Amino acid sequence: MPIFIALGKVTDAGMQNLDHLTARHEEAIKRAHRLGGRVVSSYATMGAYDFVVVLDCPSMEIAMTILSREAAGGNIRYETLTGLPTRDFARMFLDAEALAEEETVLRRDRPPRPATSEAAEE
């Protein structure tokens, strides 16, 4: 599944609700799961962003649904990035010959893809 990195900033309203942060966060994890996503990790940070959340979702639409619903509560605003595993990114820069040589190094085991309706009919 694609990885999405959400960089969060607490709103003024969110600053007034920090005492309920743990409960809200646990509920957000459950809501993400019900919508088909998974919170891989989350961190409170110091700097330009207050929180970083890593989501594993089957699609961009599901990630955006999860994050939009959380932001709709008015406590946080998100900037979202799509993550690509470094090995997959590196593969884009290899020519065909180098890719063949590097296949064993760059190959990553992935779960099998579900059978399509065409494959099921055969």
PDB file of N, CA and C in Angstrom:
ATOM      1  N   MET A   1       0.843  -1.182   0.000  1.00  0.00           N
ATOM      2  CA  MET A   1       0.000   0.000   0.000  1.00  0.00           C
ATOM      3  C   MET A   1       0.884   1.240   0.000  1.00  0.00           C
ATOM      4  N   PRO A   2       0.418   2.287  -0.597  1.00  0.00           N
ATOM      5  CA  PRO A   2       1.189   3.534  -0.583  1.00  0.00           C
ATOM      6  C   PRO A   2       1.329   4.097   0.836  1.00  0.00           C
ATOM      7  N   ILE A   3       2.413   4.808   1.031  1.00  0.00           N
ATOM      8  CA  ILE A   3       2.691   5.458   2.311  1.00  0.00           C
ATOM      9  C   ILE A   3       2.420   6.945   2.161  1.00  0.00           C
ATOM     10  N   PHE A   4       1.797   7.516   3.166  1.00  0.00           N
ATOM     11  CA  PHE A   4       1.506   8.948   3.186  1.00  0.00           C
ATOM     12  C   PHE A   4       2.050   9.523   4.486  1.00  0.00           C
ATOM     13  N   ILE A   5       2.758  10.632   4.368  1.00  0.00           N
ATOM     14  CA  ILE A   5       3.324  11.314   5.533  1.00  0.00           C
ATOM     15  C   ILE A   5       2.527  12.598   5.722  1.00  0.00           C
ATOM     16  N   ALA A   6       1.904  12.729   6.871  1.00  0.00           N
ATOM     17  CA  ALA A   6       1.097  13.919   7.166  1.00  0.00           C
ATOM     18  C   ALA A   6       1.842  14.766   8.189  1.00  0.00           C
ATOM     19  N   LEU A   7       2.114  16.016   7.815  1.00  0.00           N
ATOM     20  CA  LEU A   7       2.773  16.966   8.704  1.00  0.00           C
ATOM     21  C   LEU A   7       1.680  17.849   9.295  1.00  0.00           C
ATOM     22  N   GLY A   8       1.520  17.809  10.611  1.00  0.00           N
ATOM     23  CA  GLY A   8       0.405  18.507  11.244  1.00  0.00           C
ATOM     24  C   GLY A   8       0.825  19.709  12.057  1.00  0.00           C
ATOM     25  N   LYS A   9      -0.021  20.733  11.990  1.00  0.00           N
ATOM     26  CA  LYS A   9       0.135  21.930  12.822  1.00  0.00           C
ATOM     27  C   LYS A   9      -1.124  22.090  13.658  1.00  0.00           C
ATOM     28  N   VAL A  10      -0.939  22.267  14.942  1.00  0.00           N
ATOM     29  CA  VAL A  10      -2.067  22.452  15.847  1.00  0.00           C
ATOM     30  C   VAL A  10      -2.666  23.834  15.617  1.00  0.00           C
ATOM     31  N   THR A  11      -3.994  23.897  15.549  1.00  0.00           N
ATOM     32  CA  THR A  11      -4.690  25.177  15.395  1.00  0.00           C
ATOM     33  C   THR A  11      -4.863  25.827  16.775  1.00  0.00           C
ATOM     34  N   ASP A  12      -5.355  27.046  16.792  1.00  0.00           N
ATOM     35  CA  ASP A  12      -5.638  27.710  18.066  1.00  0.00           C
ATOM     36  C   ASP A  12      -6.639  26.901  18.883  1.00  0.00           C
ATOM     37  N   ALA A  13      -7.662  26.382  18.219  1.00  0.00           N
ATOM     38  CA  ALA A  13      -8.649  25.548  18.916  1.00  0.00           C
ATOM     39  C   ALA A  13      -7.989  24.291  19.479  1.00  0.00           C
ATOM     40  N   GLY A  14      -7.085  23.704  18.703  1.00  0.00           N
ATOM     41  CA  GLY A  14      -6.382  22.506  19.156  1.00  0.00           C
ATOM     42  C   GLY A  14      -5.523  22.769  20.382  1.00  0.00           C
ATOM     43  N   MET A  15      -4.946  23.958  20.469  1.00  0.00           N
ATOM     44  CA  MET A  15      -4.127  24.315  21.638  1.00  0.00           C
ATOM     45  C   MET A  15      -4.975  24.328  22.901  1.00  0.00           C
ATOM     46  N   GLN A  16      -6.242  24.669  22.761  1.00  0.00           N
ATOM     47  CA  GLN A  16      -7.130  24.710  23.919  1.00  0.00           C
ATOM     48  C   GLN A  16      -7.645  23.318  24.290  1.00  0.00           C
ATOM     49  N   ASN A  17      -7.413  22.337  23.425  1.00  0.00           N
ATOM     50  CA  ASN A  17      -7.897  20.974  23.666  1.00  0.00           C
ATOM     51  C   ASN A  17      -6.773  19.966  23.885  1.00  0.00           C
ATOM     52  N   LEU A  18      -5.588  20.413  24.221  1.00  0.00           N
ATOM     53  CA  LEU A  18      -4.455  19.494  24.369  1.00  0.00           C
ATOM     54  C   LEU A  18      -4.653  18.476  25.492  1.00  0.00           C
ATOM     55  N   ASP A  19      -5.473  18.815  26.488  1.00  0.00           N
ATOM     56  CA  ASP A  19      -5.680  17.872  27.584  1.00  0.00           C
ATOM     57  C   ASP A  19      -6.405  16.608  27.120  1.00  0.00           C
ATOM     58  N   HIS A  20      -7.054  16.643  25.967  1.00  0.00           N
ATOM     59  CA  HIS A  20      -7.747  15.474  25.428  1.00  0.00           C
ATOM     60  C   HIS A  20      -6.987  14.840  24.263  1.00  0.00           C
ATOM     61  N   LEU A  21      -5.738  15.212  24.097  1.00  0.00           N
ATOM     62  CA  LEU A  21      -4.944  14.766  22.951  1.00  0.00           C
ATOM     63  C   LEU A  21      -4.840  13.248  22.860  1.00  0.00           C
ATOM     64  N   THR A  22      -4.525  12.579  23.955  1.00  0.00           N
ATOM     65  CA  THR A  22      -4.335  11.124  23.914  1.00  0.00           C
ATOM     66  C   THR A  22      -5.610  10.412  23.479  1.00  0.00           C
ATOM     67  N   ALA A  23      -6.731  10.781  24.046  1.00  0.00           N
ATOM     68  CA  ALA A  23      -8.001  10.144  23.687  1.00  0.00           C
ATOM     69  C   ALA A  23      -8.351  10.422  22.227  1.00  0.00           C
ATOM     70  N   ARG A  24      -8.151  11.660  21.773  1.00  0.00           N
ATOM     71  CA  ARG A  24      -8.448  12.003  20.375  1.00  0.00           C
ATOM     72  C   ARG A  24      -7.552  11.221  19.423  1.00  0.00           C
ATOM     73  N   HIS A  25      -6.294  11.077  19.803  1.00  0.00           N
ATOM     74  CA  HIS A  25      -5.348  10.349  18.948  1.00  0.00           C
ATOM     75  C   HIS A  25      -5.748   8.874  18.838  1.00  0.00           C
ATOM     76  N   GLU A  26      -6.094   8.257  19.935  1.00  0.00           N
ATOM     77  CA  GLU A  26      -6.511   6.844  19.912  1.00  0.00           C
ATOM     78  C   GLU A  26      -7.759   6.659  19.053  1.00  0.00           C
ATOM     79  N   GLU A  27      -8.706   7.579  19.147  1.00  0.00           N
ATOM     80  CA  GLU A  27      -9.907   7.515  18.322  1.00  0.00           C
ATOM     81  C   GLU A  27      -9.564   7.724  16.842  1.00  0.00           C
ATOM     82  N   ALA A  28      -8.627   8.607  16.550  1.00  0.00           N
ATOM     83  CA  ALA A  28      -8.215   8.848  15.162  1.00  0.00           C
ATOM     84  C   ALA A  28      -7.596   7.592  14.557  1.00  0.00           C
ATOM     85  N   ILE A  29      -6.821   6.864  15.338  1.00  0.00           N
ATOM     86  CA  ILE A  29      -6.228   5.605  14.866  1.00  0.00           C
ATOM     87  C   ILE A  29      -7.330   4.608  14.526  1.00  0.00           C
ATOM     88  N   LYS A  30      -8.335   4.519  15.377  1.00  0.00           N
ATOM     89  CA  LYS A  30      -9.450   3.598  15.128  1.00  0.00           C
ATOM     90  C   LYS A  30     -10.239   4.010  13.887  1.00  0.00           C
ATOM     91  N   ARG A  31     -10.479   5.327  13.726  1.00  0.00           N
ATOM     92  CA  ARG A  31     -11.209   5.801  12.545  1.00  0.00           C
ATOM     93  C   ARG A  31     -10.436   5.498  11.269  1.00  0.00           C
ATOM     94  N   ALA A  32      -9.125   5.696  11.288  1.00  0.00           N
ATOM     95  CA  ALA A  32      -8.301   5.395  10.110  1.00  0.00           C
ATOM     96  C   ALA A  32      -8.436   3.919   9.748  1.00  0.00           C
ATOM     97  N   HIS A  33      -8.393   3.062  10.750  1.00  0.00           N
ATOM     98  CA  HIS A  33      -8.515   1.625  10.511  1.00  0.00           C
ATOM     99  C   HIS A  33      -9.884   1.280   9.922  1.00  0.00           C
ATOM    100  N   ARG A  34     -10.941   1.881  10.450  1.00  0.00           N
ATOM    101  CA  ARG A  34     -12.291   1.617   9.921  1.00  0.00           C
ATOM    102  C   ARG A  34     -12.429   2.061   8.468  1.00  0.00           C
ATOM    103  N   LEU A  35     -11.673   3.087   8.077  1.00  0.00           N
ATOM    104  CA  LEU A  35     -11.735   3.590   6.700  1.00  0.00           C
ATOM    105  C   LEU A  35     -10.797   2.838   5.748  1.00  0.00           C
ATOM    106  N   GLY A  36     -10.048   1.870   6.276  1.00  0.00           N
ATOM    107  CA  GLY A  36      -9.185   1.058   5.420  1.00  0.00           C
ATOM    108  C   GLY A  36      -7.716   1.426   5.454  1.00  0.00           C
ATOM    109  N   GLY A  37      -7.334   2.357   6.328  1.00  0.00           N
ATOM    110  CA  GLY A  37      -5.932   2.751   6.444  1.00  0.00           C
ATOM    111  C   GLY A  37      -5.327   2.232   7.738  1.00  0.00           C
ATOM    112  N   ARG A  38      -4.055   2.518   7.903  1.00  0.00           N
ATOM    113  CA  ARG A  38      -3.364   2.100   9.124  1.00  0.00           C
ATOM    114  C   ARG A  38      -2.369   3.185   9.497  1.00  0.00           C
ATOM    115  N   VAL A  39      -2.392   3.609  10.753  1.00  0.00           N
ATOM    116  CA  VAL A  39      -1.394   4.547  11.246  1.00  0.00           C
ATOM    117  C   VAL A  39      -0.161   3.719  11.583  1.00  0.00           C
ATOM    118  N   VAL A  40       0.883   3.894  10.792  1.00  0.00           N
ATOM    119  CA  VAL A  40       2.131   3.146  10.987  1.00  0.00           C
ATOM    120  C   VAL A  40       2.864   3.690  12.203  1.00  0.00           C
ATOM    121  N   SER A  41       2.933   5.024  12.286  1.00  0.00           N
ATOM    122  CA  SER A  41       3.585   5.671  13.420  1.00  0.00           C
ATOM    123  C   SER A  41       3.129   7.116  13.492  1.00  0.00           C
ATOM    124  N   SER A  42       3.292   7.694  14.664  1.00  0.00           N
ATOM    125  CA  SER A  42       2.966   9.112  14.827  1.00  0.00           C
ATOM    126  C   SER A  42       3.890   9.688  15.892  1.00  0.00           C
ATOM    127  N   TYR A  43       4.237  10.954  15.696  1.00  0.00           N
ATOM    128  CA  TYR A  43       5.201  11.608  16.570  1.00  0.00           C
ATOM    129  C   TYR A  43       4.781  13.045  16.837  1.00  0.00           C
ATOM    130  N   ALA A  44       5.001  13.489  18.050  1.00  0.00           N
ATOM    131  CA  ALA A  44       4.926  14.915  18.357  1.00  0.00           C
ATOM    132  C   ALA A  44       6.322  15.446  18.059  1.00  0.00           C
ATOM    133  N   THR A  45       6.398  16.585  17.382  1.00  0.00           N
ATOM    134  CA  THR A  45       7.695  17.110  16.971  1.00  0.00           C
ATOM    135  C   THR A  45       7.851  18.562  17.393  1.00  0.00           C
ATOM    136  N   MET A  46       9.075  19.007  17.429  1.00  0.00           N
ATOM    137  CA  MET A  46       9.369  20.410  17.688  1.00  0.00           C
ATOM    138  C   MET A  46       9.948  20.990  16.413  1.00  0.00           C
ATOM    139  N   GLY A  47       9.524  22.167  16.055  1.00  0.00           N
ATOM    140  CA  GLY A  47       9.998  22.778  14.824  1.00  0.00           C
ATOM    141  C   GLY A  47       8.831  23.332  14.039  1.00  0.00           C
ATOM    142  N   ALA A  48       8.919  23.245  12.731  1.00  0.00           N
ATOM    143  CA  ALA A  48       7.895  23.821  11.857  1.00  0.00           C
ATOM    144  C   ALA A  48       6.553  23.100  11.978  1.00  0.00           C
ATOM    145  N   TYR A  49       6.559  21.821  12.363  1.00  0.00           N
ATOM    146  CA  TYR A  49       5.335  21.033  12.491  1.00  0.00           C
ATOM    147  C   TYR A  49       5.231  20.496  13.907  1.00  0.00           C
ATOM    148  N   ASP A  50       3.995  20.297  14.355  1.00  0.00           N
ATOM    149  CA  ASP A  50       3.753  19.806  15.713  1.00  0.00           C
ATOM    150  C   ASP A  50       3.630  18.289  15.766  1.00  0.00           C
ATOM    151  N   PHE A  51       3.184  17.696  14.647  1.00  0.00           N
ATOM    152  CA  PHE A  51       3.000  16.248  14.588  1.00  0.00           C
ATOM    153  C   PHE A  51       3.387  15.721  13.215  1.00  0.00           C
ATOM    154  N   VAL A  52       3.865  14.475  13.204  1.00  0.00           N
ATOM    155  CA  VAL A  52       4.120  13.751  11.966  1.00  0.00           C
ATOM    156  C   VAL A  52       3.402  12.410  12.105  1.00  0.00           C
ATOM    157  N   VAL A  53       2.584  12.090  11.106  1.00  0.00           N
ATOM    158  CA  VAL A  53       1.846  10.830  11.098  1.00  0.00           C
ATOM    159  C   VAL A  53       2.183  10.103   9.803  1.00  0.00           C
ATOM    160  N   VAL A  54       2.517   8.820   9.913  1.00  0.00           N
ATOM    161  CA  VAL A  54       2.795   7.991   8.746  1.00  0.00           C
ATOM    162  C   VAL A  54       1.620   7.037   8.591  1.00  0.00           C
ATOM    163  N   LEU A  55       0.959   7.132   7.429  1.00  0.00           N
ATOM    164  CA  LEU A  55      -0.209   6.301   7.122  1.00  0.00           C
ATOM    165  C   LEU A  55       0.108   5.309   6.023  1.00  0.00           C
ATOM    166  N   ASP A  56      -0.430   4.134   6.145  1.00  0.00           N
ATOM    167  CA  ASP A  56      -0.374   3.112   5.110  1.00  0.00           C
ATOM    168  C   ASP A  56      -1.809   2.958   4.627  1.00  0.00           C
ATOM    169  N   CYS A  57      -2.081   3.352   3.392  1.00  0.00           N
ATOM    170  CA  CYS A  57      -3.452   3.344   2.857  1.00  0.00           C
ATOM    171  C   CYS A  57      -3.464   2.726   1.466  1.00  0.00           C
ATOM    172  N   PRO A  58      -4.568   2.083   1.095  1.00  0.00           N
ATOM    173  CA  PRO A  58      -4.637   1.481  -0.234  1.00  0.00           C
ATOM    174  C   PRO A  58      -4.692   2.493  -1.370  1.00  0.00           C
ATOM    175  N   SER A  59      -5.067   3.741  -1.068  1.00  0.00           N
ATOM    176  CA  SER A  59      -5.152   4.728  -2.136  1.00  0.00           C
ATOM    177  C   SER A  59      -5.022   6.134  -1.565  1.00  0.00           C
ATOM    178  N   MET A  60      -4.739   7.062  -2.464  1.00  0.00           N
ATOM    179  CA  MET A  60      -4.667   8.466  -2.075  1.00  0.00           C
ATOM    180  C   MET A  60      -6.026   8.937  -1.572  1.00  0.00           C
ATOM    181  N   GLU A  61      -7.087   8.463  -2.185  1.00  0.00           N
ATOM    182  CA  GLU A  61      -8.427   8.882  -1.787  1.00  0.00           C
ATOM    183  C   GLU A  61      -8.721   8.519  -0.333  1.00  0.00           C
ATOM    184  N   ILE A  62      -8.321   7.326   0.064  1.00  0.00           N
ATOM    185  CA  ILE A  62      -8.558   6.911   1.448  1.00  0.00           C
ATOM    186  C   ILE A  62      -7.710   7.734   2.394  1.00  0.00           C
ATOM    187  N   ALA A  63      -6.450   7.977   2.048  1.00  0.00           N
ATOM    188  CA  ALA A  63      -5.589   8.817   2.896  1.00  0.00           C
ATOM    189  C   ALA A  63      -6.178  10.211   3.046  1.00  0.00           C
ATOM    190  N   MET A  64      -6.646  10.786   1.949  1.00  0.00           N
ATOM    191  CA  MET A  64      -7.224  12.131   2.004  1.00  0.00           C
ATOM    192  C   MET A  64      -8.523  12.154   2.806  1.00  0.00           C
ATOM    193  N   THR A  65      -9.305  11.088   2.705  1.00  0.00           N
ATOM    194  CA  THR A  65     -10.534  11.006   3.495  1.00  0.00           C
ATOM    195  C   THR A  65     -10.200  10.985   4.980  1.00  0.00           C
ATOM    196  N   ILE A  66      -9.249  10.154   5.349  1.00  0.00           N
ATOM    197  CA  ILE A  66      -8.851  10.053   6.754  1.00  0.00           C
ATOM    198  C   ILE A  66      -8.362  11.402   7.266  1.00  0.00           C
ATOM    199  N   LEU A  67      -7.430  12.012   6.551  1.00  0.00           N
ATOM    200  CA  LEU A  67      -6.837  13.266   7.019  1.00  0.00           C
ATOM    201  C   LEU A  67      -7.825  14.427   6.975  1.00  0.00           C
ATOM    202  N   SER A  68      -8.676  14.461   5.968  1.00  0.00           N
ATOM    203  CA  SER A  68      -9.676  15.536   5.883  1.00  0.00           C
ATOM    204  C   SER A  68     -10.663  15.451   7.034  1.00  0.00           C
ATOM    205  N   ARG A  69     -11.087  14.248   7.368  1.00  0.00           N
ATOM    206  CA  ARG A  69     -12.020  14.085   8.483  1.00  0.00           C
ATOM    207  C   ARG A  69     -11.376  14.482   9.804  1.00  0.00           C
ATOM    208  N   GLU A  70     -10.104  14.175   9.966  1.00  0.00           N
ATOM    209  CA  GLU A  70      -9.414  14.575  11.193  1.00  0.00           C
ATOM    210  C   GLU A  70      -9.268  16.097  11.251  1.00  0.00           C
ATOM    211  N   ALA A  71      -8.903  16.703  10.138  1.00  0.00           N
ATOM    212  CA  ALA A  71      -8.735  18.161  10.095  1.00  0.00           C
ATOM    213  C   ALA A  71     -10.075  18.876  10.292  1.00  0.00           C
ATOM    214  N   ALA A  72     -11.170  18.233   9.880  1.00  0.00           N
ATOM    215  CA  ALA A  72     -12.494  18.851  10.015  1.00  0.00           C
ATOM    216  C   ALA A  72     -12.859  19.099  11.479  1.00  0.00           C
ATOM    217  N   GLY A  73     -12.211  18.397  12.395  1.00  0.00           N
ATOM    218  CA  GLY A  73     -12.460  18.613  13.823  1.00  0.00           C
ATOM    219  C   GLY A  73     -11.954  19.961  14.313  1.00  0.00           C
ATOM    220  N   GLY A  74     -11.111  20.607  13.501  1.00  0.00           N
ATOM    221  CA  GLY A  74     -10.644  21.948  13.823  1.00  0.00           C
ATOM    222  C   GLY A  74      -9.446  22.029  14.740  1.00  0.00           C
ATOM    223  N   ASN A  75      -8.870  20.891  15.119  1.00  0.00           N
ATOM    224  CA  ASN A  75      -7.744  20.906  16.053  1.00  0.00           C
ATOM    225  C   ASN A  75      -6.380  20.883  15.368  1.00  0.00           C
ATOM    226  N   ILE A  76      -6.353  20.467  14.111  1.00  0.00           N
ATOM    227  CA  ILE A  76      -5.072  20.314  13.417  1.00  0.00           C
ATOM    228  C   ILE A  76      -5.260  20.539  11.919  1.00  0.00           C
ATOM    229  N   ARG A  77      -4.215  21.003  11.272  1.00  0.00           N
ATOM    230  CA  ARG A  77      -4.195  21.157   9.811  1.00  0.00           C
ATOM    231  C   ARG A  77      -3.010  20.326   9.300  1.00  0.00           C
ATOM    232  N   TYR A  78      -3.221  19.676   8.159  1.00  0.00           N
ATOM    233  CA  TYR A  78      -2.201  18.781   7.619  1.00  0.00           C
ATOM    234  C   TYR A  78      -1.649  19.252   6.289  1.00  0.00           C
ATOM    235  N   GLU A  79      -0.375  18.996   6.098  1.00  0.00           N
ATOM    236  CA  GLU A  79       0.267  19.024   4.793  1.00  0.00           C
ATOM    237  C   GLU A  79       0.653  17.575   4.548  1.00  0.00           C
ATOM    238  N   THR A  80       0.322  17.042   3.390  1.00  0.00           N
ATOM    239  CA  THR A  80       0.509  15.614   3.155  1.00  0.00           C
ATOM    240  C   THR A  80       1.509  15.364   2.036  1.00  0.00           C
ATOM    241  N   LEU A  81       2.367  14.388   2.258  1.00  0.00           N
ATOM    242  CA  LEU A  81       3.368  13.958   1.279  1.00  0.00           C
ATOM    243  C   LEU A  81       3.133  12.483   0.979  1.00  0.00           C
ATOM    244  N   THR A  82       3.399  12.084  -0.253  1.00  0.00           N
ATOM    245  CA  THR A  82       3.351  10.668  -0.612  1.00  0.00           C
ATOM    246  C   THR A  82       4.761  10.126  -0.530  1.00  0.00           C
ATOM    247  N   GLY A  83       4.917   8.984   0.120  1.00  0.00           N
ATOM    248  CA  GLY A  83       6.235   8.387   0.273  1.00  0.00           C
ATOM    249  C   GLY A  83       6.443   7.221  -0.671  1.00  0.00           C
ATOM    250  N   LEU A  84       7.641   7.117  -1.191  1.00  0.00           N
ATOM    251  CA  LEU A  84       8.044   6.016  -2.056  1.00  0.00           C
ATOM    252  C   LEU A  84       9.275   5.389  -1.419  1.00  0.00           C
ATOM    253  N   PRO A  85       9.280   4.068  -1.200  1.00  0.00           N
ATOM    254  CA  PRO A  85      10.469   3.445  -0.616  1.00  0.00           C
ATOM    255  C   PRO A  85      11.725   3.819  -1.414  1.00  0.00           C
ATOM    256  N   THR A  86      12.798   4.081  -0.727  1.00  0.00           N
ATOM    257  CA  THR A  86      14.037   4.542  -1.345  1.00  0.00           C
ATOM    258  C   THR A  86      14.508   3.578  -2.432  1.00  0.00           C
ATOM    259  N   ARG A  87      14.378   2.287  -2.190  1.00  0.00           N
ATOM    260  CA  ARG A  87      14.812   1.316  -3.204  1.00  0.00           C
ATOM    261  C   ARG A  87      14.004   1.463  -4.493  1.00  0.00           C
ATOM    262  N   ASP A  88      12.705   1.682  -4.357  1.00  0.00           N
ATOM    263  CA  ASP A  88      11.874   1.869  -5.551  1.00  0.00           C
ATOM    264  C   ASP A  88      12.252   3.154  -6.271  1.00  0.00           C
ATOM    265  N   PHE A  89      12.554   4.193  -5.514  1.00  0.00           N
ATOM    266  CA  PHE A  89      12.982   5.464  -6.097  1.00  0.00           C
ATOM    267  C   PHE A  89      14.298   5.270  -6.855  1.00  0.00           C
ATOM    268  N   ALA A  90      15.239   4.557  -6.259  1.00  0.00           N
ATOM    269  CA  ALA A  90      16.547   4.334  -6.889  1.00  0.00           C
ATOM    270  C   ALA A  90      16.413   3.580  -8.209  1.00  0.00           C
ATOM    271  N   ARG A  91      15.450   2.697  -8.291  1.00  0.00           N
ATOM    272  CA  ARG A  91      15.249   1.911  -9.518  1.00  0.00           C
ATOM    273  C   ARG A  91      14.923   2.797 -10.715  1.00  0.00           C
ATOM    274  N   MET A  92      14.319   3.931 -10.487  1.00  0.00           N
ATOM    275  CA  MET A  92      13.943   4.815 -11.589  1.00  0.00           C
ATOM    276  C   MET A  92      15.147   5.345 -12.340  1.00  0.00           C
ATOM    277  N   PHE A  93      16.315   5.313 -11.730  1.00  0.00           N
ATOM    278  CA  PHE A  93      17.503   5.907 -12.327  1.00  0.00           C
ATOM    279  C   PHE A  93      18.451   4.886 -12.933  1.00  0.00           C
ATOM    280  N   LEU A  94      18.070   3.626 -12.906  1.00  0.00           N
ATOM    281  CA  LEU A  94      18.912   2.585 -13.475  1.00  0.00           C
ATOM    282  C   LEU A  94      18.494   2.313 -14.913  1.00  0.00           C
ATOM    283  N   ASP A  95      19.492   2.138 -15.808  1.00  0.00           N
ATOM    284  CA  ASP A  95      19.147   1.726 -17.162  1.00  0.00           C
ATOM    285  C   ASP A  95      18.826   0.230 -17.130  1.00  0.00           C
ATOM    286  N   ALA A  96      18.339  -0.318 -18.227  1.00  0.00           N
ATOM    287  CA  ALA A  96      17.867  -1.703 -18.259  1.00  0.00           C
ATOM    288  C   ALA A  96      18.956  -2.693 -17.860  1.00  0.00           C
ATOM    289  N   GLU A  97      20.186  -2.469 -18.327  1.00  0.00           N
ATOM    290  CA  GLU A  97      21.283  -3.393 -18.020  1.00  0.00           C
ATOM    291  C   GLU A  97      21.635  -3.343 -16.531  1.00  0.00           C
ATOM    292  N   ALA A  98      21.750  -2.138 -16.010  1.00  0.00           N
ATOM    293  CA  ALA A  98      22.068  -1.990 -14.590  1.00  0.00           C
ATOM    294  C   ALA A  98      20.932  -2.522 -13.723  1.00  0.00           C
ATOM    295  N   LEU A  99      19.704  -2.325 -14.171  1.00  0.00           N
ATOM    296  CA  LEU A  99      18.561  -2.813 -13.416  1.00  0.00           C
ATOM    297  C   LEU A  99      18.597  -4.333 -13.319  1.00  0.00           C
ATOM    298  N   ALA A 100      18.955  -4.999 -14.417  1.00  0.00           N
ATOM    299  CA  ALA A 100      19.048  -6.458 -14.403  1.00  0.00           C
ATOM    300  C   ALA A 100      20.123  -6.920 -13.423  1.00  0.00           C
ATOM    301  N   GLU A 101      21.256  -6.210 -13.394  1.00  0.00           N
ATOM    302  CA  GLU A 101      22.341  -6.565 -12.476  1.00  0.00           C
ATOM    303  C   GLU A 101      21.972  -6.278 -11.030  1.00  0.00           C
ATOM    304  N   GLU A 102      21.224  -5.237 -10.809  1.00  0.00           N
ATOM    305  CA  GLU A 102      20.867  -4.825  -9.454  1.00  0.00           C
ATOM    306  C   GLU A 102      19.582  -5.456  -8.942  1.00  0.00           C
ATOM    307  N   GLU A 103      18.931  -6.233  -9.761  1.00  0.00           N
ATOM    308  CA  GLU A 103      17.615  -6.778  -9.401  1.00  0.00           C
ATOM    309  C   GLU A 103      17.624  -7.469  -8.045  1.00  0.00           C
ATOM    310  N   THR A 104      18.664  -8.245  -7.784  1.00  0.00           N
ATOM    311  CA  THR A 104      18.681  -8.974  -6.514  1.00  0.00           C
ATOM    312  C   THR A 104      18.908  -8.035  -5.333  1.00  0.00           C
ATOM    313  N   VAL A 105      19.593  -6.934  -5.567  1.00  0.00           N
ATOM    314  CA  VAL A 105      19.847  -5.983  -4.489  1.00  0.00           C
ATOM    315  C   VAL A 105      18.613  -5.120  -4.222  1.00  0.00           C
ATOM    316  N   LEU A 106      17.974  -4.680  -5.294  1.00  0.00           N
ATOM    317  CA  LEU A 106      16.865  -3.757  -5.148  1.00  0.00           C
ATOM    318  C   LEU A 106      15.512  -4.433  -4.955  1.00  0.00           C
ATOM    319  N   ARG A 107      15.434  -5.702  -5.285  1.00  0.00           N
ATOM    320  CA  ARG A 107      14.145  -6.383  -5.198  1.00  0.00           C
ATOM    321  C   ARG A 107      13.669  -6.445  -3.760  1.00  0.00           C
ATOM    322  N   ARG A 108      12.419  -6.179  -3.595  1.00  0.00           N
ATOM    323  CA  ARG A 108      11.806  -6.193  -2.278  1.00  0.00           C
ATOM    324  C   ARG A 108      10.628  -7.156  -2.345  1.00  0.00           C
ATOM    325  N   ASP A 109      10.547  -8.069  -1.400  1.00  0.00           N
ATOM    326  CA  ASP A 109       9.420  -8.990  -1.392  1.00  0.00           C
ATOM    327  C   ASP A 109       8.140  -8.218  -1.131  1.00  0.00           C
ATOM    328  N   ARG A 110       7.153  -8.484  -1.930  1.00  0.00           N
ATOM    329  CA  ARG A 110       5.848  -7.828  -1.788  1.00  0.00           C
ATOM    330  C   ARG A 110       4.780  -8.906  -1.733  1.00  0.00           C
ATOM    331  N   PRO A 111       3.686  -8.602  -1.073  1.00  0.00           N
ATOM    332  CA  PRO A 111       2.608  -9.592  -1.062  1.00  0.00           C
ATOM    333  C   PRO A 111       2.054  -9.771  -2.467  1.00  0.00           C
ATOM    334  N   PRO A 112       1.573 -10.959  -2.789  1.00  0.00           N
ATOM    335  CA  PRO A 112       1.020 -11.173  -4.133  1.00  0.00           C
ATOM    336  C   PRO A 112      -0.183 -10.268  -4.368  1.00  0.00           C
ATOM    337  N   ARG A 113      -0.333  -9.847  -5.613  1.00  0.00           N
ATOM    338  CA  ARG A 113      -1.487  -9.015  -5.972  1.00  0.00           C
ATOM    339  C   ARG A 113      -2.738  -9.888  -6.027  1.00  0.00           C
ATOM    340  N   PRO A 114      -3.866  -9.296  -5.635  1.00  0.00           N
ATOM    341  CA  PRO A 114      -5.108 -10.084  -5.727  1.00  0.00           C
ATOM    342  C   PRO A 114      -5.421 -10.404  -7.182  1.00  0.00           C
ATOM    343  N   ALA A 115      -6.036 -11.540  -7.388  1.00  0.00           N
ATOM    344  CA  ALA A 115      -6.398 -11.961  -8.746  1.00  0.00           C
ATOM    345  C   ALA A 115      -7.453 -11.024  -9.297  1.00  0.00           C
ATOM    346  N   THR A 116      -7.299 -10.662 -10.567  1.00  0.00           N
ATOM    347  CA  THR A 116      -8.299  -9.823 -11.218  1.00  0.00           C
ATOM    348  C   THR A 116      -9.441 -10.704 -11.684  1.00  0.00           C
ATOM    349  N   SER A 117     -10.542 -10.102 -12.068  1.00  0.00           N
ATOM    350  CA  SER A 117     -11.689 -10.868 -12.525  1.00  0.00           C
ATOM    351  C   SER A 117     -11.340 -11.664 -13.789  1.00  0.00           C
ATOM    352  N   GLU A 118     -10.459 -11.100 -14.646  1.00  0.00           N
ATOM    353  CA  GLU A 118     -10.033 -11.807 -15.858  1.00  0.00           C
ATOM    354  C   GLU A 118      -9.278 -13.070 -15.508  1.00  0.00           C
ATOM    355  N   ALA A 119      -8.353 -12.955 -14.521  1.00  0.00           N
ATOM    356  CA  ALA A 119      -7.563 -14.109 -14.118  1.00  0.00           C
ATOM    357  C   ALA A 119      -8.473 -15.167 -13.472  1.00  0.00           C
ATOM    358  N   ALA A 120      -9.464 -14.738 -12.763  1.00  0.00           N
ATOM    359  CA  ALA A 120     -10.363 -15.655 -12.093  1.00  0.00           C
ATOM    360  C   ALA A 120     -11.209 -16.449 -13.093  1.00  0.00           C
ATOM    361  N   GLU A 121     -11.478 -15.833 -14.263  1.00  0.00           N
ATOM    362  CA  GLU A 121     -12.283 -16.506 -15.275  1.00  0.00           C
ATOM    363  C   GLU A 121     -11.503 -17.558 -16.026  1.00  0.00           C
ATOM    364  N   GLU A 122     -10.172 -17.473 -16.059  1.00  0.00           N
ATOM    365  CA  GLU A 122      -9.343 -18.409 -16.818  1.00  0.00           C
ATOM    366  C   GLU A 122      -9.248 -19.763 -16.164  1.00  0.00           C
TER     367      GLU A 122
END
